[in-house]
Amino acid sequence: MLKIVYPICCGMDVHKSFVVACIATTNDHGVTNYKSKRFSTFTGDLRRCADWLSENNCKDVCMESTGKYWIPIYNILEHTCNIVLAHPKYVKAIRGKKTDKRDAKWIADIFKHDLVSGSFIPPADIRQLRDLVRYHWKLTNFNVGEKNRAQNCLTVSNIKLDDVFSDVFGKAASAITTRLLESNEPFDVKPYLTKNIKKPIEQIQAAVDGEMCAEQAEKLRIIRSHMDSLELCKLNLESLILSTAEKYIPQLNLVMTAPGIQSFAAIGIISEIGVDMSVFPTSKHLCSWAGLTPQNNESAGKKKTTRISRAGAYIKPLLVQCALCAIRTKQFPEVRNRYLALKKRRGHKKAIIAIARMLLTAIYNILKWNEVYNSELYRKADRPPAHREVSVEEAVYILQRGLSGDCATYGIDFKHNFFSRSQGAWFFALFFRIVLKLQCFNPYALLTCPLYFFRNYK
């Protein structure tokens, strides 16, 4: 029989206009009694729901995350109850026996046995910061969409600025676009160009040889006006984000010591994971929550897929951008070396996800132990154990022992013959294979061992 973890608990079936709550009370004999009640989602009725839970001595509540409809209920109950927010797929009722009351009862039944895994809900101030940062990300996407529409207006008007300018919305290209909106008459582009233009003037003059109709011109003016409004909104929002994040300046300074992470990226990371790492037992749990670990999908001894999950829709792209910045800097060679080693075997995409997970693991430990990023720890981890290090003489002996069994096959007489081209390639392949198997990364041994071998056996 399953253990009763929560003798008095409540399951809630959340909808847009109402919520159905079911309190499950289990006595010492294992008999459970149920009380169900329906409340509207207006604030006054939600307060009455909180009073009803207090009257029944219910402190543990479980509800499914239905869109944004759970947030008003959570805001009212989080001060008086311990709330577990569950993904709908974990609390879904059986098809054919599904009503609002039965859904609430089913959630209470599985929750009293502690069979529901709750979602990570940060504190209220972190939630507000997260909402602002995500809105900033949405505004950036809107701006990119408007840029694409503006580019389409120029393309359908036979104006090929994208072929001669690297940035169609740069200073020179924007000045030319403004002149095109004023009149369709031919004009000289030379006064509008800047000093760093690489394309010849004749080619730029040919690129603006088009005709923009009145409809496309008016559409482009509206798009540019909308882009200016979006930029103004982003500036106002950035000031609000910075003022909201002021209380987390010590944690932000610590996170910014990690490779590839600047101020606004650090704010975005803090807004997603918070500053209290005790909610994640290990860094692996955090990486799994962020969607940076392979899935477990195995049946009959066969692994169906090992792709990363779709979780972390906001933090995962941000960490990938930070990883792309980190692999280009020379200040942290341990990150770039790990990326290059993984890229050779698995490709760029898998390697950059591994670097993103590496950064998130570092951030977890930075926030947990309140310490700055220490690259020396990664360099120590890359070194082989002391009992696996070999000297030059030991490496030569291992090569002699490895080559002695194959010298007759390849017809090599080390004391009288030199290596041919194919024999030399075979020797160096075997040498590096043995050295890598031993994890002997001593540079002196790697450089000296072949020279020592040739000197004694030519």
Protein backbone atom coordinates (compact mmCIF):
# COMPACT_ATOMS: atom_id res chain seq x y z
CA MET A 1 0.00 0.00 0.00
CA LEU A 2 1.28 3.43 -0.88
CA LYS A 3 2.37 5.67 1.95
CA ILE A 4 0.21 8.69 2.81
CA VAL A 5 2.59 11.64 2.73
CA TYR A 6 0.01 14.43 3.00
CA PRO A 7 -2.92 13.41 5.28
CA ILE A 8 -4.72 16.68 4.52
CA CYS A 9 -4.20 18.10 1.06
CA CYS A 10 -6.09 19.79 -1.74
CA GLY A 11 -6.23 19.22 -5.49
CA MET A 12 -7.31 22.02 -7.79
CA ASP A 13 -8.61 21.88 -11.34
CA VAL A 14 -7.92 25.35 -12.76
CA HIS A 15 -9.89 27.02 -15.55
CA LYS A 16 -10.19 30.56 -16.89
CA SER A 17 -13.36 31.58 -15.04
CA PHE A 18 -13.50 29.16 -12.12
CA VAL A 19 -11.50 26.66 -10.11
CA VAL A 20 -12.67 23.40 -8.54
CA ALA A 21 -10.96 22.51 -5.23
CA CYS A 22 -11.13 19.09 -3.55
CA ILE A 23 -9.75 18.57 -0.02
CA ALA A 24 -8.72 14.97 0.74
CA THR A 25 -8.55 14.17 4.48
CA THR A 26 -7.08 10.78 5.43
CA ASN A 27 -7.53 9.42 8.96
CA ASP A 28 -5.30 7.01 10.90
CA HIS A 29 -7.06 3.98 9.40
CA GLY A 30 -6.27 5.07 5.83
CA VAL A 31 -9.81 6.13 5.00
CA THR A 32 -10.03 9.29 2.89
CA ASN A 33 -12.91 11.76 2.94
CA TYR A 34 -13.37 14.36 0.23
CA LYS A 35 -14.82 17.87 0.20
CA SER A 36 -15.28 19.68 -3.10
CA LYS A 37 -16.16 23.28 -3.75
CA ARG A 38 -16.17 25.58 -6.75
CA PHE A 39 -14.83 29.15 -6.71
CA SER A 40 -14.64 31.85 -9.35
CA THR A 41 -11.28 33.33 -10.29
CA PHE A 42 -12.14 36.84 -9.07
CA THR A 43 -9.87 38.02 -6.28
CA GLY A 44 -12.60 38.11 -3.62
CA ASP A 45 -13.67 34.54 -4.32
CA LEU A 46 -10.04 33.38 -4.30
CA ARG A 47 -9.63 34.90 -0.84
CA ARG A 48 -12.71 32.93 0.26
CA CYS A 49 -11.00 29.85 -1.15
CA ALA A 50 -7.94 30.56 1.00
CA ASP A 51 -10.21 30.97 4.08
CA TRP A 52 -11.95 27.68 3.25
CA LEU A 53 -8.60 25.89 3.10
CA SER A 54 -7.59 27.40 6.45
CA GLU A 55 -10.87 26.31 8.06
CA ASN A 56 -10.16 22.72 6.99
CA ASN A 57 -6.53 22.95 8.21
CA CYS A 58 -5.22 22.35 4.69
CA LYS A 59 -1.73 23.73 4.04
CA ASP A 60 -0.65 21.61 1.05
CA VAL A 61 -2.17 22.37 -2.35
CA CYS A 62 -1.50 20.85 -5.77
CA MET A 63 -2.77 22.32 -9.03
CA GLU A 64 -1.99 21.95 -12.69
CA SER A 65 -0.36 24.74 -14.67
CA THR A 66 -3.05 25.76 -17.15
CA GLY A 67 -1.65 28.54 -19.32
CA LYS A 68 -1.49 31.75 -17.28
CA TYR A 69 -4.67 31.00 -15.35
CA TRP A 70 -2.80 29.47 -12.40
CA ILE A 71 -0.90 32.68 -11.62
CA PRO A 72 -3.77 34.64 -9.93
CA ILE A 73 -4.54 31.63 -7.73
CA TYR A 74 -0.89 31.19 -6.89
CA ASN A 75 -0.54 34.86 -5.94
CA ILE A 76 -3.37 34.57 -3.39
CA LEU A 77 -2.48 31.19 -1.88
CA GLU A 78 1.33 31.33 -1.77
CA HIS A 79 1.31 33.27 1.53
CA THR A 80 -0.75 30.69 3.45
CA CYS A 81 -0.19 27.36 1.64
CA ASN A 82 2.59 25.20 0.29
CA ILE A 83 1.73 25.01 -3.40
CA VAL A 84 2.95 22.34 -5.82
CA LEU A 85 2.47 23.37 -9.43
CA ALA A 86 2.38 20.32 -11.71
CA HIS A 87 2.62 19.93 -15.45
CA PRO A 88 -0.75 18.82 -16.91
CA LYS A 89 0.77 15.67 -18.42
CA TYR A 90 1.68 14.42 -14.92
CA VAL A 91 -1.84 14.84 -13.48
CA LYS A 92 -3.98 14.00 -16.50
CA ALA A 93 -7.06 11.95 -15.64
CA ILE A 94 -8.27 8.84 -17.47
CA ARG A 95 -10.14 9.55 -20.68
CA GLY A 96 -13.85 8.82 -20.51
CA LYS A 97 -14.05 9.47 -16.77
CA LYS A 98 -13.14 13.11 -16.84
CA THR A 99 -15.12 15.88 -15.19
CA ASP A 100 -14.03 18.96 -13.27
CA LYS A 101 -14.77 17.39 -9.86
CA ARG A 102 -13.12 14.09 -10.80
CA ASP A 103 -10.06 15.95 -12.06
CA ALA A 104 -9.69 17.78 -8.74
CA LYS A 105 -10.22 14.51 -6.82
CA TRP A 106 -7.66 12.69 -8.97
CA ILE A 107 -5.07 15.43 -8.37
CA ALA A 108 -5.70 15.21 -4.62
CA ASP A 109 -5.39 11.40 -4.68
CA ILE A 110 -2.02 11.30 -6.43
CA PHE A 111 -0.74 14.27 -4.47
CA LYS A 112 -1.47 12.72 -1.05
CA HIS A 113 0.94 9.89 -1.98
CA ASP A 114 3.55 12.42 -3.19
CA LEU A 115 3.41 11.10 -6.76
CA VAL A 116 3.45 14.56 -8.36
CA SER A 117 6.70 16.26 -9.31
CA GLY A 118 6.34 19.99 -8.87
CA SER A 119 7.64 22.69 -11.17
CA PHE A 120 10.26 25.26 -10.16
CA ILE A 121 8.55 28.51 -9.18
CA PRO A 122 10.96 31.31 -8.18
CA PRO A 123 10.11 34.01 -5.61
CA ALA A 124 7.80 36.87 -6.53
CA ASP A 125 10.55 39.43 -7.25
CA ILE A 126 12.38 36.97 -9.51
CA ARG A 127 9.10 36.24 -11.30
CA GLN A 128 8.61 39.95 -11.99
CA LEU A 129 12.18 40.26 -13.30
CA ARG A 130 11.64 37.17 -15.47
CA ASP A 131 8.48 38.66 -16.95
CA LEU A 132 10.29 41.88 -17.88
CA VAL A 133 13.28 40.09 -19.43
CA ARG A 134 11.04 37.79 -21.46
CA TYR A 135 9.06 40.80 -22.71
CA HIS A 136 12.34 42.42 -23.79
CA TRP A 137 13.14 39.25 -25.73
CA LYS A 138 9.73 39.43 -27.40
CA LEU A 139 10.29 43.07 -28.41
CA THR A 140 13.61 42.06 -29.96
CA ASN A 141 11.80 39.39 -31.99
CA PHE A 142 9.21 41.94 -33.10
CA ASN A 143 12.00 44.26 -34.24
CA VAL A 144 13.66 41.48 -36.24
CA GLY A 145 10.33 40.70 -37.90
CA GLU A 146 9.89 44.33 -38.91
CA LYS A 147 13.40 44.39 -40.35
CA ASN A 148 12.55 41.39 -42.51
CA ARG A 149 9.39 43.10 -43.76
CA ALA A 150 11.35 46.27 -44.57
CA GLN A 151 13.85 44.16 -46.51
CA ASN A 152 10.97 42.59 -48.46
CA CYS A 153 9.70 46.05 -49.43
CA LEU A 154 13.09 46.92 -50.92
CA THR A 155 13.40 43.55 -52.69
CA VAL A 156 10.03 43.72 -54.45
CA SER A 157 10.91 47.27 -55.57
CA ASN A 158 14.11 46.07 -57.35
CA ILE A 159 16.33 47.85 -54.81
CA LYS A 160 19.23 45.55 -53.91
CA LEU A 161 20.80 47.23 -50.91
CA ASP A 162 21.37 43.86 -49.24
CA ASP A 163 23.87 42.94 -52.00
CA VAL A 164 26.13 45.94 -51.40
CA PHE A 165 25.71 46.60 -47.66
CA SER A 166 26.40 44.17 -44.85
CA ASP A 167 23.79 45.94 -42.71
CA VAL A 168 20.75 47.31 -44.58
CA PHE A 169 19.85 49.29 -41.45
CA GLY A 170 23.26 50.87 -40.98
CA LYS A 171 24.03 54.57 -41.25
CA ALA A 172 24.70 54.76 -45.00
CA ALA A 173 21.97 52.32 -46.05
CA SER A 174 19.39 54.05 -43.85
CA ALA A 175 20.28 57.43 -45.38
CA ILE A 176 19.85 56.00 -48.89
CA THR A 177 16.51 54.42 -47.92
CA THR A 178 15.29 57.77 -46.57
CA ARG A 179 16.25 59.43 -49.85
CA LEU A 180 14.39 56.73 -51.80
CA LEU A 181 11.23 57.37 -49.78
CA GLU A 182 11.37 61.07 -50.66
CA SER A 183 11.38 60.61 -54.43
CA ASN A 184 11.84 57.95 -57.14
CA GLU A 185 14.03 60.24 -59.24
CA PRO A 186 17.65 59.12 -59.85
CA PHE A 187 20.23 60.57 -57.45
CA ASP A 188 23.93 60.32 -56.66
CA VAL A 189 24.67 57.95 -53.73
CA LYS A 190 28.16 59.29 -53.05
CA PRO A 191 27.13 61.97 -50.48
CA TYR A 192 25.36 59.31 -48.40
CA LEU A 193 28.28 56.87 -48.12
CA THR A 194 30.67 56.58 -45.18
CA LYS A 195 34.41 55.94 -45.21
CA ASN A 196 34.24 52.24 -44.35
CA ILE A 197 32.21 51.24 -47.42
CA LYS A 198 34.07 48.50 -49.31
CA LYS A 199 31.87 48.13 -52.39
CA PRO A 200 32.61 50.42 -55.36
CA ILE A 201 30.35 53.41 -55.86
CA GLU A 202 29.30 52.18 -59.31
CA GLN A 203 27.94 48.94 -57.85
CA ILE A 204 26.03 50.78 -55.11
CA GLN A 205 24.61 53.18 -57.72
CA ALA A 206 23.39 50.18 -59.73
CA ALA A 207 21.82 48.61 -56.63
CA VAL A 208 19.50 51.59 -56.04
CA ASP A 209 18.29 51.59 -59.64
CA GLY A 210 14.71 50.57 -58.87
CA GLU A 211 11.27 52.04 -58.60
CA MET A 212 9.22 51.96 -55.41
CA CYS A 213 5.47 52.29 -55.79
CA ALA A 214 3.42 54.50 -53.47
CA GLU A 215 1.94 51.54 -51.58
CA GLN A 216 5.32 49.97 -50.80
CA ALA A 217 6.75 53.36 -49.84
CA GLU A 218 3.94 54.02 -47.37
CA LYS A 219 4.28 50.47 -45.97
CA LEU A 220 8.02 51.02 -45.48
CA ARG A 221 7.37 54.33 -43.67
CA ILE A 222 4.97 52.56 -41.27
CA ILE A 223 7.51 49.78 -40.67
CA ARG A 224 10.29 52.23 -39.90
CA SER A 225 8.05 54.18 -37.58
CA HIS A 226 7.14 50.97 -35.76
CA MET A 227 10.82 50.04 -35.48
CA ASP A 228 11.58 53.42 -33.89
CA SER A 229 8.73 52.89 -31.43
CA LEU A 230 10.03 49.41 -30.58
CA GLU A 231 13.51 50.79 -29.93
CA LEU A 232 12.06 53.42 -27.60
CA CYS A 233 10.04 50.76 -25.77
CA LYS A 234 13.15 48.60 -25.42
CA LEU A 235 15.12 51.49 -23.92
CA ASN A 236 12.39 52.21 -21.36
CA LEU A 237 12.10 48.52 -20.56
CA GLU A 238 15.86 48.15 -20.12
CA SER A 239 15.90 50.94 -17.56
CA LEU A 240 13.06 49.21 -15.68
CA ILE A 241 14.92 45.88 -15.81
CA LEU A 242 18.11 47.43 -14.46
CA SER A 243 16.27 49.11 -11.60
CA THR A 244 14.49 45.84 -10.73
CA ALA A 245 17.77 43.88 -10.79
CA GLU A 246 19.63 46.27 -8.47
CA LYS A 247 19.03 44.07 -5.42
CA TYR A 248 20.92 41.22 -7.11
CA ILE A 249 24.08 43.15 -7.96
CA PRO A 250 26.39 40.88 -5.84
CA GLN A 251 25.09 37.75 -7.57
CA LEU A 252 25.27 39.44 -10.98
CA ASN A 253 28.91 40.37 -10.42
CA LEU A 254 29.69 36.75 -9.57
CA VAL A 255 27.90 35.39 -12.63
CA MET A 256 29.68 37.86 -14.91
CA THR A 257 33.03 36.30 -13.97
CA ALA A 258 32.04 33.20 -16.02
CA PRO A 259 33.21 33.05 -19.65
CA GLY A 260 31.13 34.85 -22.27
CA ILE A 261 28.58 36.37 -19.87
CA GLN A 262 27.99 40.13 -19.85
CA SER A 263 25.66 42.28 -17.74
CA PHE A 264 22.36 41.82 -19.54
CA ALA A 265 22.98 38.12 -20.13
CA ALA A 266 23.65 37.71 -16.41
CA ILE A 267 20.33 39.42 -15.61
CA GLY A 268 18.57 37.06 -18.02
CA ILE A 269 20.12 34.00 -16.38
CA ILE A 270 19.29 35.20 -12.86
CA SER A 271 15.71 35.93 -13.94
CA GLU A 272 15.28 32.32 -15.10
CA ILE A 273 17.03 30.29 -12.37
CA GLY A 274 16.98 32.70 -9.42
CA VAL A 275 19.78 33.05 -6.88
CA ASP A 276 18.84 30.24 -4.47
CA MET A 277 20.40 27.02 -5.77
CA SER A 278 19.07 24.90 -2.90
CA VAL A 279 15.93 24.20 -4.97
CA PHE A 280 18.08 22.08 -7.31
CA PRO A 281 19.77 19.11 -5.57
CA THR A 282 22.71 19.06 -8.01
CA SER A 283 23.91 20.91 -11.08
CA LYS A 284 22.66 17.98 -13.19
CA HIS A 285 19.09 18.68 -12.08
CA LEU A 286 19.48 22.32 -13.11
CA CYS A 287 20.91 21.37 -16.52
CA SER A 288 18.06 18.90 -17.05
CA TRP A 289 15.52 21.59 -16.10
CA ALA A 290 17.15 23.94 -18.63
CA GLY A 291 16.92 21.31 -21.40
CA LEU A 292 20.67 20.81 -21.81
CA THR A 293 20.84 17.07 -21.06
CA PRO A 294 19.93 14.06 -23.24
CA GLN A 295 16.51 12.52 -22.83
CA ASN A 296 15.93 9.09 -21.30
CA ASN A 297 13.84 7.21 -23.86
CA GLU A 298 14.69 3.52 -23.73
CA SER A 299 12.53 0.47 -24.35
CA ALA A 300 13.46 -3.22 -24.68
CA GLY A 301 17.09 -2.34 -24.16
CA LYS A 302 17.14 0.05 -27.10
CA LYS A 303 17.63 3.79 -26.79
CA LYS A 304 15.14 5.46 -29.11
CA THR A 305 16.55 8.98 -28.83
CA THR A 306 19.16 10.90 -26.89
CA ARG A 307 18.24 14.37 -28.10
CA ILE A 308 17.96 17.22 -25.66
CA SER A 309 14.46 18.09 -24.49
CA ARG A 310 12.40 21.14 -25.42
CA ALA A 311 12.65 22.58 -21.92
CA GLY A 312 14.34 25.91 -21.26
CA ALA A 313 12.81 27.79 -24.16
CA TYR A 314 14.23 31.09 -22.87
CA ILE A 315 17.40 30.20 -20.96
CA LYS A 316 18.74 27.67 -23.48
CA PRO A 317 19.12 30.12 -26.41
CA LEU A 318 20.68 32.64 -24.02
CA LEU A 319 23.25 30.12 -22.79
CA VAL A 320 24.05 29.09 -26.36
CA GLN A 321 24.75 32.74 -27.24
CA CYS A 322 27.03 33.02 -24.21
CA ALA A 323 28.77 29.79 -25.24
CA LEU A 324 29.37 31.13 -28.76
CA CYS A 325 30.99 34.19 -27.18
CA ALA A 326 33.05 32.11 -24.74
CA ILE A 327 34.65 29.87 -27.39
CA ARG A 328 36.01 32.93 -29.21
CA THR A 329 37.78 34.54 -26.27
CA LYS A 330 41.41 33.82 -25.47
CA GLN A 331 41.02 34.56 -21.78
CA PHE A 332 39.50 31.13 -21.06
CA PRO A 333 41.40 28.51 -23.12
CA GLU A 334 39.78 25.62 -21.24
CA VAL A 335 36.42 26.45 -22.81
CA ARG A 336 37.74 26.74 -26.36
CA ASN A 337 39.86 23.60 -26.05
CA ARG A 338 36.88 21.59 -24.86
CA TYR A 339 34.76 22.95 -27.70
CA LEU A 340 37.35 22.06 -30.34
CA ALA A 341 37.82 18.56 -28.91
CA LEU A 342 34.07 17.89 -28.98
CA LYS A 343 33.58 19.49 -32.38
CA LYS A 344 35.99 17.06 -34.04
CA ARG A 345 34.00 14.05 -32.86
CA ARG A 346 30.38 15.25 -32.58
CA GLY A 347 30.08 18.43 -34.66
CA HIS A 348 29.41 22.07 -33.86
CA LYS A 349 25.81 21.77 -32.62
CA LYS A 350 26.44 19.11 -30.00
CA ALA A 351 29.69 20.79 -28.95
CA ILE A 352 28.06 24.18 -28.36
CA ILE A 353 25.29 22.58 -26.28
CA ALA A 354 28.00 20.90 -24.18
CA ILE A 355 29.69 24.27 -23.63
CA ALA A 356 26.33 25.79 -22.66
CA ARG A 357 25.90 23.04 -20.08
CA MET A 358 29.45 23.65 -18.89
CA LEU A 359 28.62 27.32 -18.32
CA LEU A 360 25.38 26.53 -16.48
CA THR A 361 27.21 24.06 -14.22
CA ALA A 362 29.75 26.76 -13.43
CA ILE A 363 26.98 29.27 -12.70
CA TYR A 364 25.29 26.78 -10.37
CA ASN A 365 28.45 26.34 -8.32
CA ILE A 366 29.20 30.07 -8.40
CA LEU A 367 25.81 30.91 -6.89
CA LYS A 368 25.78 27.95 -4.51
CA TRP A 369 29.19 28.58 -2.96
CA ASN A 370 29.21 32.37 -3.52
CA GLU A 371 32.58 32.23 -5.28
CA VAL A 372 33.94 33.70 -8.50
CA TYR A 373 34.64 31.58 -11.57
CA ASN A 374 37.89 29.62 -11.19
CA SER A 375 39.29 28.31 -14.48
CA GLU A 376 42.08 26.46 -12.68
CA LEU A 377 39.57 23.86 -11.51
CA TYR A 378 38.84 22.85 -15.11
CA ARG A 379 42.53 22.67 -15.92
CA LYS A 380 43.13 20.40 -12.93
CA ALA A 381 40.26 18.18 -14.04
CA ASP A 382 41.84 17.81 -17.51
CA ARG A 383 45.14 16.57 -16.10
CA PRO A 384 45.62 12.79 -15.87
CA PRO A 385 45.91 11.12 -12.46
CA ALA A 386 49.39 10.92 -10.98
CA HIS A 387 49.52 7.12 -11.28
CA ARG A 388 48.92 7.35 -15.05
CA GLU A 389 51.72 9.80 -15.84
CA VAL A 390 54.74 8.25 -17.58
CA SER A 391 58.26 9.48 -18.15
CA VAL A 392 60.08 9.56 -21.51
CA GLU A 393 61.92 6.30 -20.82
CA GLU A 394 58.69 4.55 -19.82
CA ALA A 395 56.97 5.79 -22.98
CA VAL A 396 59.85 4.48 -25.13
CA TYR A 397 59.64 1.11 -23.41
CA ILE A 398 55.90 0.93 -24.04
CA LEU A 399 56.48 1.73 -27.72
CA GLN A 400 59.17 -0.94 -27.96
CA ARG A 401 56.84 -3.49 -26.43
CA GLY A 402 53.98 -2.44 -28.68
CA LEU A 403 56.06 -2.46 -31.86
CA SER A 404 57.97 -5.66 -31.25
CA GLY A 405 54.98 -7.85 -32.07
CA ASP A 406 54.32 -6.09 -35.39
CA CYS A 407 57.82 -5.42 -36.71
CA ALA A 408 57.94 -8.75 -38.64
CA THR A 409 54.57 -8.04 -40.23
CA TYR A 410 55.70 -4.65 -41.54
CA GLY A 411 59.27 -5.74 -42.35
CA ILE A 412 60.97 -3.11 -40.21
CA ASP A 413 64.52 -3.52 -38.99
CA PHE A 414 64.96 -0.66 -36.54
CA LYS A 415 68.72 -1.01 -36.26
CA HIS A 416 69.52 -0.90 -39.99
CA ASN A 417 66.56 0.51 -41.95
CA PHE A 418 64.89 3.86 -42.02
CA PHE A 419 61.10 4.21 -42.08
CA SER A 420 59.38 4.45 -45.43
CA ARG A 421 56.56 6.96 -45.79
CA SER A 422 53.79 4.44 -45.05
CA GLN A 423 55.77 2.81 -42.22
CA GLY A 424 56.41 6.23 -40.64
CA ALA A 425 52.73 7.12 -40.79
CA TRP A 426 51.87 3.78 -39.20
CA PHE A 427 54.43 4.36 -36.44
CA PHE A 428 53.17 7.81 -35.51
CA ALA A 429 49.54 6.61 -35.56
CA LEU A 430 50.42 3.79 -33.16
CA PHE A 431 52.51 6.14 -31.01
CA PHE A 432 49.75 8.68 -30.48
CA ARG A 433 47.18 5.93 -29.96
CA ILE A 434 49.26 4.48 -27.11
CA VAL A 435 49.94 7.90 -25.62
CA LEU A 436 46.27 8.92 -25.72
CA LYS A 437 45.25 5.60 -24.20
CA LEU A 438 47.62 6.28 -21.32
CA GLN A 439 46.40 9.90 -21.10
CA CYS A 440 50.01 11.02 -21.10
CA PHE A 441 49.62 14.68 -21.98
CA ASN A 442 53.08 15.71 -20.81
CA PRO A 443 54.31 17.99 -23.65
CA TYR A 444 57.95 17.14 -22.98
CA ALA A 445 57.27 13.42 -23.29
CA LEU A 446 55.19 13.89 -26.45
CA LEU A 447 57.98 15.83 -28.19
CA THR A 448 60.95 13.90 -26.89
CA CYS A 449 59.74 10.31 -27.18
CA PRO A 450 59.76 10.04 -31.03
CA LEU A 451 63.14 11.78 -31.27
CA TYR A 452 64.59 9.47 -28.64
CA PHE A 453 63.16 6.45 -30.46
CA PHE A 454 64.61 7.43 -33.87
CA ARG A 455 68.01 8.28 -32.40
CA ASN A 456 68.38 4.81 -30.93
CA TYR A 457 66.86 2.71 -33.69
CA LYS A 458 67.85 4.30 -37.03
